[in-house]
Every structure is written in C-alpha cells, then in structure tokens.
C-alpha cells in the first residue's frame, strides 16, 4: 500500500473517531494529537515531507483504545503496533 494511501486511511480514521483535523505549516517537524477546549485535535504539518506526516500521524493515533476491534489494513495495523511497542523506525 502506498504511503499516501496509508496516510489518507489514518486521517479518515481520525475523522471517524471524532478527532478534528488541522493542516498547518509547523516547520516540517511538527504535528501530533492534543486536546483543545475539550476536543481532540490532530495537527498535520503541511511543511513536513510525506514520511514525516505519516509517522507523526501514526504515532499520534497508536494506542488509542477506540482502535481495538476496528478493521485496519494489516500494513497500517503493523505500523501502529510498532509505535505502541516503541520500535518505530
């Protein structure tokens, strides 16, 4: 599965989980999940390359309890598992 497709899948998943998405220029190294005014917000750094955007998004979503029992493509499930185990590249 192409990396852009993986990222798109994670962003769709985030929306389905009720997470607000914000695409912002954060200098190429930023992005992640935070809580603002009681809402979860996922920031995607538009200055970052595709690899960084994917890695930051996967790291932000890894370990969310809402992912249990949801279907995810095996490649994405493996990536998320690497982050929960602390073995991400």
N, C-alpha and C. Protein backbone atom coordinates (compact mmCIF):
# COMPACT_ATOMS: atom_id res chain seq x y z
N UNK A 1 0.86 -1.17 0.00
CA UNK A 1 0.00 0.00 0.00
C UNK A 1 0.90 1.23 0.00
N UNK A 2 0.59 2.19 -0.88
CA UNK A 2 1.39 3.41 -0.97
C UNK A 2 1.27 4.23 0.31
N UNK A 3 2.32 4.98 0.59
CA UNK A 3 2.36 5.76 1.82
C UNK A 3 1.25 6.82 1.86
N UNK A 4 0.97 7.48 0.74
CA UNK A 4 -0.10 8.48 0.73
C UNK A 4 -1.44 7.83 1.04
N UNK A 5 -1.67 6.63 0.54
CA UNK A 5 -2.90 5.90 0.83
C UNK A 5 -2.98 5.56 2.30
N UNK A 6 -1.86 5.17 2.89
CA UNK A 6 -1.83 4.87 4.32
C UNK A 6 -2.17 6.12 5.14
N UNK A 7 -1.57 7.25 4.77
CA UNK A 7 -1.85 8.49 5.48
C UNK A 7 -3.32 8.86 5.34
N UNK A 8 -3.85 8.78 4.13
CA UNK A 8 -5.27 9.10 3.92
C UNK A 8 -6.17 8.20 4.76
N UNK A 9 -5.81 6.93 4.87
CA UNK A 9 -6.58 5.99 5.69
C UNK A 9 -6.56 6.41 7.15
N UNK A 10 -5.39 6.80 7.66
CA UNK A 10 -5.29 7.24 9.05
C UNK A 10 -6.08 8.53 9.29
N UNK A 11 -6.05 9.44 8.34
CA UNK A 11 -6.79 10.69 8.50
C UNK A 11 -8.30 10.45 8.48
N UNK A 12 -8.74 9.53 7.63
CA UNK A 12 -10.16 9.15 7.61
C UNK A 12 -10.54 8.52 8.92
N UNK A 13 -9.69 7.65 9.43
CA UNK A 13 -9.94 7.00 10.71
C UNK A 13 -10.07 8.04 11.83
N UNK A 14 -9.17 9.01 11.84
CA UNK A 14 -9.21 10.05 12.86
C UNK A 14 -10.55 10.79 12.82
N UNK A 15 -11.00 11.13 11.63
CA UNK A 15 -12.31 11.81 11.49
C UNK A 15 -13.43 10.92 12.02
N UNK A 16 -13.38 9.64 11.69
CA UNK A 16 -14.41 8.70 12.15
C UNK A 16 -14.43 8.59 13.67
N UNK A 17 -13.28 8.79 14.30
CA UNK A 17 -13.19 8.75 15.76
C UNK A 17 -13.57 10.08 16.41
N UNK A 18 -13.97 11.04 15.59
CA UNK A 18 -14.39 12.33 16.13
C UNK A 18 -13.25 13.28 16.42
N UNK A 19 -12.08 13.00 15.86
CA UNK A 19 -10.91 13.86 16.06
C UNK A 19 -10.93 14.95 15.00
N UNK A 20 -10.79 16.20 15.43
CA UNK A 20 -10.72 17.31 14.48
C UNK A 20 -9.35 17.31 13.83
N UNK A 21 -9.30 17.59 12.52
CA UNK A 21 -8.04 17.65 11.79
C UNK A 21 -7.71 19.09 11.46
N UNK A 22 -6.44 19.44 11.65
CA UNK A 22 -5.96 20.77 11.29
C UNK A 22 -4.68 20.60 10.51
N UNK A 23 -4.67 21.09 9.29
CA UNK A 23 -3.46 21.11 8.47
C UNK A 23 -2.83 22.48 8.61
N UNK A 24 -1.62 22.50 9.13
CA UNK A 24 -0.92 23.76 9.42
C UNK A 24 0.55 23.62 9.03
N UNK A 25 1.15 24.71 8.64
CA UNK A 25 2.58 24.73 8.41
C UNK A 25 3.27 24.88 9.77
N UNK A 26 3.98 23.84 10.19
CA UNK A 26 4.60 23.82 11.52
C UNK A 26 6.11 23.67 11.44
N UNK A 27 6.69 23.99 10.31
CA UNK A 27 8.14 23.97 10.19
C UNK A 27 8.74 22.65 9.74
N UNK A 28 7.92 21.67 9.43
CA UNK A 28 8.43 20.41 8.91
C UNK A 28 8.71 19.34 9.93
N UNK A 29 8.65 19.64 11.21
CA UNK A 29 8.94 18.65 12.24
C UNK A 29 7.78 18.45 13.20
N UNK A 30 6.70 19.18 13.03
CA UNK A 30 5.62 19.16 13.99
C UNK A 30 4.51 18.19 13.65
N UNK A 31 3.40 18.41 14.29
CA UNK A 31 2.24 17.56 14.10
C UNK A 31 2.05 16.66 15.30
N UNK A 32 0.81 16.26 15.50
CA UNK A 32 0.50 15.36 16.60
C UNK A 32 -0.89 15.61 17.13
N UNK A 33 -1.24 14.86 18.14
CA UNK A 33 -2.57 14.90 18.73
C UNK A 33 -2.52 15.67 20.04
N UNK A 34 -3.51 16.54 20.24
CA UNK A 34 -3.62 17.26 21.50
C UNK A 34 -5.09 17.51 21.80
N UNK A 35 -5.35 18.03 22.99
CA UNK A 35 -6.71 18.40 23.38
C UNK A 35 -6.79 19.91 23.47
N UNK A 36 -7.79 20.48 22.80
CA UNK A 36 -8.03 21.91 22.83
C UNK A 36 -9.50 22.13 23.17
N UNK A 37 -9.74 22.80 24.27
CA UNK A 37 -11.11 23.10 24.70
C UNK A 37 -11.98 21.84 24.74
N UNK A 38 -11.39 20.77 25.25
CA UNK A 38 -12.13 19.53 25.44
C UNK A 38 -12.29 18.68 24.19
N UNK A 39 -11.71 19.10 23.08
CA UNK A 39 -11.79 18.34 21.83
C UNK A 39 -10.40 17.82 21.46
N UNK A 40 -10.35 16.63 20.90
CA UNK A 40 -9.08 16.12 20.39
C UNK A 40 -8.85 16.71 19.00
N UNK A 41 -7.64 17.20 18.80
CA UNK A 41 -7.27 17.81 17.52
C UNK A 41 -5.97 17.16 17.04
N UNK A 42 -5.97 16.73 15.79
CA UNK A 42 -4.78 16.16 15.18
C UNK A 42 -4.22 17.21 14.23
N UNK A 43 -3.01 17.68 14.53
CA UNK A 43 -2.33 18.63 13.66
C UNK A 43 -1.46 17.87 12.68
N UNK A 44 -1.60 18.21 11.40
CA UNK A 44 -0.79 17.62 10.33
C UNK A 44 0.07 18.75 9.77
N UNK A 45 1.36 18.57 9.83
CA UNK A 45 2.32 19.60 9.41
C UNK A 45 2.45 19.60 7.89
N UNK A 46 1.90 20.61 7.24
CA UNK A 46 1.96 20.69 5.78
C UNK A 46 3.36 21.00 5.27
N UNK A 47 4.27 21.42 6.15
CA UNK A 47 5.65 21.68 5.76
C UNK A 47 6.50 20.41 5.76
N UNK A 48 6.01 19.37 6.39
CA UNK A 48 6.77 18.12 6.52
C UNK A 48 6.64 17.28 5.26
N UNK A 49 7.64 16.44 5.03
CA UNK A 49 7.55 15.51 3.90
C UNK A 49 6.54 14.40 4.23
N UNK A 50 6.19 13.63 3.24
CA UNK A 50 5.16 12.60 3.39
C UNK A 50 5.52 11.59 4.47
N UNK A 51 6.77 11.16 4.51
CA UNK A 51 7.21 10.20 5.53
C UNK A 51 6.97 10.75 6.94
N UNK A 52 7.35 11.99 7.16
CA UNK A 52 7.20 12.61 8.48
C UNK A 52 5.73 12.77 8.83
N UNK A 53 4.91 13.22 7.88
CA UNK A 53 3.47 13.38 8.15
C UNK A 53 2.86 12.04 8.54
N UNK A 54 3.23 10.98 7.82
CA UNK A 54 2.68 9.66 8.13
C UNK A 54 3.15 9.18 9.50
N UNK A 55 4.44 9.30 9.76
CA UNK A 55 4.99 8.82 11.04
C UNK A 55 4.36 9.57 12.21
N UNK A 56 4.22 10.89 12.11
CA UNK A 56 3.63 11.68 13.20
C UNK A 56 2.16 11.31 13.40
N UNK A 57 1.45 11.10 12.30
CA UNK A 57 0.03 10.75 12.41
C UNK A 57 -0.13 9.37 13.02
N UNK A 58 0.66 8.41 12.55
CA UNK A 58 0.60 7.05 13.10
C UNK A 58 0.95 7.05 14.59
N UNK A 59 1.99 7.79 14.95
CA UNK A 59 2.39 7.86 16.36
C UNK A 59 1.29 8.47 17.21
N UNK A 60 0.61 9.47 16.67
CA UNK A 60 -0.45 10.14 17.42
C UNK A 60 -1.65 9.22 17.66
N UNK A 61 -1.96 8.39 16.69
CA UNK A 61 -3.15 7.53 16.81
C UNK A 61 -2.86 6.18 17.46
N UNK A 62 -1.61 5.77 17.45
CA UNK A 62 -1.25 4.47 18.02
C UNK A 62 -1.65 4.41 19.49
N UNK A 63 -2.23 3.32 19.87
CA UNK A 63 -2.59 3.12 21.27
C UNK A 63 -3.94 3.68 21.68
N UNK A 64 -4.64 4.35 20.77
CA UNK A 64 -5.97 4.83 21.12
C UNK A 64 -6.89 3.63 21.36
N UNK A 65 -7.58 3.60 22.47
CA UNK A 65 -8.43 2.44 22.77
C UNK A 65 -9.53 2.23 21.76
N UNK A 66 -9.95 3.28 21.07
CA UNK A 66 -11.02 3.15 20.07
C UNK A 66 -10.61 2.30 18.86
N UNK A 67 -9.31 2.06 18.70
CA UNK A 67 -8.85 1.27 17.56
C UNK A 67 -9.07 -0.22 17.75
N UNK A 68 -9.22 -0.64 19.00
CA UNK A 68 -9.46 -2.05 19.28
C UNK A 68 -10.78 -2.48 18.63
N UNK A 69 -10.74 -3.55 17.91
CA UNK A 69 -11.94 -4.09 17.29
C UNK A 69 -12.30 -3.44 15.96
N UNK A 70 -11.59 -2.41 15.54
CA UNK A 70 -11.84 -1.78 14.24
C UNK A 70 -10.97 -2.43 13.20
N UNK A 71 -11.53 -2.59 12.00
CA UNK A 71 -10.72 -3.12 10.91
C UNK A 71 -9.74 -2.05 10.44
N UNK A 72 -8.50 -2.44 10.32
CA UNK A 72 -7.47 -1.61 9.70
C UNK A 72 -6.67 -2.50 8.77
N UNK A 73 -6.25 -2.00 7.61
CA UNK A 73 -5.41 -2.80 6.74
C UNK A 73 -4.19 -3.31 7.52
N UNK A 74 -3.76 -4.53 7.24
CA UNK A 74 -2.65 -5.12 8.00
C UNK A 74 -1.40 -4.25 8.06
N UNK A 75 -1.05 -3.57 6.95
CA UNK A 75 0.15 -2.74 6.94
C UNK A 75 0.04 -1.60 7.96
N UNK A 76 -1.13 -1.02 8.05
CA UNK A 76 -1.34 0.09 8.97
C UNK A 76 -1.38 -0.42 10.40
N UNK A 77 -2.04 -1.55 10.61
CA UNK A 77 -2.08 -2.15 11.96
C UNK A 77 -0.66 -2.42 12.44
N UNK A 78 0.20 -2.94 11.56
CA UNK A 78 1.60 -3.22 11.93
C UNK A 78 2.34 -1.92 12.29
N UNK A 79 2.12 -0.88 11.49
CA UNK A 79 2.77 0.41 11.78
C UNK A 79 2.34 0.94 13.13
N UNK A 80 1.05 0.91 13.41
CA UNK A 80 0.55 1.40 14.70
C UNK A 80 1.10 0.56 15.85
N UNK A 81 1.21 -0.74 15.63
CA UNK A 81 1.75 -1.63 16.66
C UNK A 81 3.21 -1.27 16.97
N UNK A 82 3.99 -0.93 15.94
CA UNK A 82 5.39 -0.53 16.16
C UNK A 82 5.46 0.68 17.09
N UNK A 83 4.53 1.60 16.96
CA UNK A 83 4.56 2.78 17.82
C UNK A 83 4.13 2.43 19.24
N UNK A 84 3.20 1.54 19.41
CA UNK A 84 2.78 1.18 20.77
C UNK A 84 3.86 0.36 21.46
N UNK A 85 4.67 -0.34 20.68
CA UNK A 85 5.76 -1.14 21.24
C UNK A 85 7.06 -0.34 21.36
N UNK A 86 7.08 0.87 20.81
CA UNK A 86 8.28 1.69 20.89
C UNK A 86 9.37 1.27 19.94
N UNK A 87 9.01 0.59 18.85
CA UNK A 87 10.03 0.13 17.90
C UNK A 87 9.87 0.81 16.54
N UNK A 88 9.30 2.00 16.51
CA UNK A 88 9.12 2.70 15.24
C UNK A 88 10.48 3.07 14.66
N UNK A 89 10.52 3.16 13.36
CA UNK A 89 11.79 3.46 12.69
C UNK A 89 12.22 4.81 12.92
